[in-house]
């Protein structure tokens, strides 16, 4: 999984897994999802991310099962 923030366009891109993207679907005016041929979500894109998320306070934690 990769998370990229593009400051120049204020876009947050979350790639859940690397695969061929079959289709991009609009969830709302500023959010899209990329799906593979089976309809599984591969990535999510948030436009205007700094207004819609808490980018400066981003943290990552892996929790053992």
N, C-alpha and C. Protein backbone atom coordinates (compact mmCIF):
# COMPACT_ATOMS: atom_id res chain seq x y z
N UNK A 1 0.85 -1.18 0.00
CA UNK A 1 0.00 0.00 0.00
C UNK A 1 0.89 1.23 0.00
N UNK A 2 0.49 2.22 -0.80
CA UNK A 2 1.22 3.48 -0.86
C UNK A 2 0.25 4.63 -0.65
N UNK A 3 0.70 5.64 0.05
CA UNK A 3 -0.08 6.85 0.25
C UNK A 3 0.76 8.02 -0.24
N UNK A 4 0.18 8.79 -1.17
CA UNK A 4 0.90 9.94 -1.73
C UNK A 4 0.03 11.18 -1.58
N UNK A 5 0.69 12.26 -1.18
CA UNK A 5 0.01 13.56 -1.10
C UNK A 5 0.71 14.51 -2.05
N UNK A 6 -0.06 15.08 -2.97
CA UNK A 6 0.46 16.03 -3.95
C UNK A 6 0.04 17.42 -3.50
N UNK A 7 0.99 18.14 -2.89
CA UNK A 7 0.69 19.44 -2.31
C UNK A 7 0.27 20.46 -3.37
N UNK A 8 0.88 20.41 -4.55
CA UNK A 8 0.56 21.38 -5.59
C UNK A 8 -0.90 21.32 -6.05
N UNK A 9 -1.50 20.13 -6.01
CA UNK A 9 -2.91 19.99 -6.41
C UNK A 9 -3.82 19.66 -5.23
N UNK A 10 -3.24 19.56 -4.02
CA UNK A 10 -3.97 19.22 -2.80
C UNK A 10 -4.77 17.92 -2.99
N UNK A 11 -4.05 16.90 -3.49
CA UNK A 11 -4.67 15.62 -3.79
C UNK A 11 -4.02 14.52 -2.96
N UNK A 12 -4.85 13.69 -2.34
CA UNK A 12 -4.38 12.53 -1.60
C UNK A 12 -4.72 11.28 -2.40
N UNK A 13 -3.71 10.45 -2.66
CA UNK A 13 -3.89 9.23 -3.43
C UNK A 13 -3.49 8.05 -2.56
N UNK A 14 -4.41 7.13 -2.35
CA UNK A 14 -4.14 5.94 -1.55
C UNK A 14 -4.24 4.73 -2.47
N UNK A 15 -3.09 4.12 -2.71
CA UNK A 15 -3.04 2.92 -3.56
C UNK A 15 -3.09 1.71 -2.63
N UNK A 16 -4.14 0.95 -2.70
CA UNK A 16 -4.31 -0.19 -1.82
C UNK A 16 -3.55 -1.42 -2.30
N UNK A 17 -3.49 -1.59 -3.62
CA UNK A 17 -2.73 -2.69 -4.19
C UNK A 17 -2.40 -2.37 -5.63
N UNK A 18 -1.29 -2.93 -6.10
CA UNK A 18 -0.84 -2.68 -7.47
C UNK A 18 -1.49 -3.71 -8.38
N UNK A 19 -2.27 -3.23 -9.32
CA UNK A 19 -2.92 -4.08 -10.31
C UNK A 19 -3.40 -3.21 -11.46
N UNK A 20 -3.82 -3.82 -12.52
CA UNK A 20 -4.36 -3.07 -13.65
C UNK A 20 -5.70 -2.47 -13.26
N UNK A 21 -5.86 -1.19 -13.55
CA UNK A 21 -7.12 -0.50 -13.24
C UNK A 21 -8.06 -0.65 -14.42
N UNK A 22 -9.23 -1.16 -14.15
CA UNK A 22 -10.23 -1.39 -15.18
C UNK A 22 -11.13 -0.18 -15.36
N UNK A 23 -11.47 0.49 -14.23
CA UNK A 23 -12.42 1.60 -14.29
C UNK A 23 -12.20 2.54 -13.11
N UNK A 24 -12.45 3.81 -13.33
CA UNK A 24 -12.45 4.81 -12.26
C UNK A 24 -13.87 5.28 -12.06
N UNK A 25 -14.33 5.22 -10.82
CA UNK A 25 -15.72 5.58 -10.49
C UNK A 25 -15.75 6.79 -9.57
N UNK A 26 -16.69 7.68 -9.80
CA UNK A 26 -16.89 8.84 -8.94
C UNK A 26 -17.73 8.45 -7.73
N UNK A 27 -17.22 8.71 -6.54
CA UNK A 27 -18.02 8.53 -5.33
C UNK A 27 -18.79 9.80 -5.02
N UNK A 28 -18.13 10.93 -5.20
CA UNK A 28 -18.77 12.23 -5.08
C UNK A 28 -17.97 13.20 -5.95
N UNK A 29 -18.23 14.46 -5.83
CA UNK A 29 -17.59 15.46 -6.68
C UNK A 29 -16.07 15.48 -6.56
N UNK A 30 -15.54 15.09 -5.41
CA UNK A 30 -14.10 15.19 -5.15
C UNK A 30 -13.43 13.89 -4.75
N UNK A 31 -14.11 12.76 -4.96
CA UNK A 31 -13.56 11.48 -4.56
C UNK A 31 -13.79 10.45 -5.66
N UNK A 32 -12.73 9.75 -6.04
CA UNK A 32 -12.86 8.67 -7.02
C UNK A 32 -12.23 7.40 -6.46
N UNK A 33 -12.71 6.27 -6.99
CA UNK A 33 -12.09 4.99 -6.67
C UNK A 33 -11.71 4.32 -7.97
N UNK A 34 -10.58 3.63 -7.94
CA UNK A 34 -10.14 2.82 -9.08
C UNK A 34 -10.43 1.37 -8.73
N UNK A 35 -11.02 0.65 -9.69
CA UNK A 35 -11.35 -0.76 -9.46
C UNK A 35 -10.70 -1.62 -10.54
N UNK A 36 -10.48 -2.88 -10.17
CA UNK A 36 -9.94 -3.83 -11.15
C UNK A 36 -11.09 -4.48 -11.91
N UNK A 37 -10.79 -5.44 -12.75
CA UNK A 37 -11.80 -6.06 -13.60
C UNK A 37 -12.85 -6.82 -12.79
N UNK A 38 -12.52 -7.24 -11.59
CA UNK A 38 -13.48 -7.93 -10.73
C UNK A 38 -14.28 -6.97 -9.86
N UNK A 39 -14.00 -5.68 -9.96
CA UNK A 39 -14.72 -4.68 -9.17
C UNK A 39 -14.12 -4.42 -7.80
N UNK A 40 -12.94 -4.97 -7.54
CA UNK A 40 -12.27 -4.76 -6.25
C UNK A 40 -11.57 -3.40 -6.26
N UNK A 41 -11.66 -2.67 -5.15
CA UNK A 41 -11.05 -1.34 -5.07
C UNK A 41 -9.53 -1.47 -5.02
N UNK A 42 -8.87 -0.70 -5.90
CA UNK A 42 -7.40 -0.69 -5.97
C UNK A 42 -6.82 0.59 -5.39
N UNK A 43 -7.57 1.72 -5.53
CA UNK A 43 -7.05 3.01 -5.09
C UNK A 43 -8.21 3.98 -4.84
N UNK A 44 -7.92 4.98 -4.02
CA UNK A 44 -8.88 6.04 -3.71
C UNK A 44 -8.16 7.38 -3.89
N UNK A 45 -8.84 8.34 -4.52
CA UNK A 45 -8.28 9.68 -4.72
C UNK A 45 -9.20 10.71 -4.08
N UNK A 46 -8.61 11.58 -3.24
CA UNK A 46 -9.35 12.66 -2.59
C UNK A 46 -8.83 14.00 -3.11
N UNK A 47 -9.67 14.75 -3.77
CA UNK A 47 -9.32 16.11 -4.17
C UNK A 47 -9.61 17.04 -3.00
N UNK A 48 -8.95 18.19 -2.93
CA UNK A 48 -9.10 19.15 -1.82
C UNK A 48 -8.84 18.45 -0.48
N UNK A 49 -7.81 17.63 -0.47
CA UNK A 49 -7.53 16.76 0.67
C UNK A 49 -7.28 17.51 1.97
N UNK A 50 -6.60 18.65 1.92
CA UNK A 50 -6.29 19.36 3.17
C UNK A 50 -7.54 19.89 3.85
N UNK A 51 -8.60 20.09 3.10
CA UNK A 51 -9.86 20.57 3.67
C UNK A 51 -10.75 19.41 4.13
N UNK A 52 -10.48 18.21 3.62
CA UNK A 52 -11.35 17.07 3.87
C UNK A 52 -10.73 16.01 4.78
N UNK A 53 -9.42 16.11 5.01
CA UNK A 53 -8.73 15.13 5.85
C UNK A 53 -7.80 15.87 6.80
N UNK A 54 -7.14 15.14 7.65
CA UNK A 54 -6.21 15.74 8.61
C UNK A 54 -4.77 15.41 8.19
N UNK A 55 -4.39 15.86 6.99
CA UNK A 55 -3.09 15.56 6.40
C UNK A 55 -1.92 15.86 7.34
N UNK A 56 -1.85 17.02 7.99
CA UNK A 56 -0.68 17.30 8.83
C UNK A 56 -0.50 16.33 9.99
N UNK A 57 -1.58 15.70 10.44
CA UNK A 57 -1.51 14.80 11.58
C UNK A 57 -1.55 13.33 11.18
N UNK A 58 -1.19 13.04 9.94
CA UNK A 58 -1.21 11.66 9.46
C UNK A 58 -0.22 10.82 10.24
N UNK A 59 -0.66 9.63 10.63
CA UNK A 59 0.24 8.67 11.26
C UNK A 59 -0.16 7.27 10.80
N UNK A 60 0.74 6.35 10.98
CA UNK A 60 0.53 4.98 10.53
C UNK A 60 0.90 4.05 11.67
N UNK A 61 0.04 3.10 11.93
CA UNK A 61 0.31 2.16 13.01
C UNK A 61 -0.11 0.77 12.56
N UNK A 62 0.78 -0.20 12.67
CA UNK A 62 0.44 -1.57 12.35
C UNK A 62 0.15 -2.30 13.65
N UNK A 63 -1.02 -2.91 13.69
CA UNK A 63 -1.45 -3.60 14.90
C UNK A 63 -1.39 -5.10 14.67
N UNK A 64 -0.72 -5.82 15.55
CA UNK A 64 -0.61 -7.26 15.43
C UNK A 64 -1.96 -7.92 15.70
N UNK A 65 -2.22 -8.97 14.97
CA UNK A 65 -3.50 -9.68 15.12
C UNK A 65 -3.51 -10.52 16.38
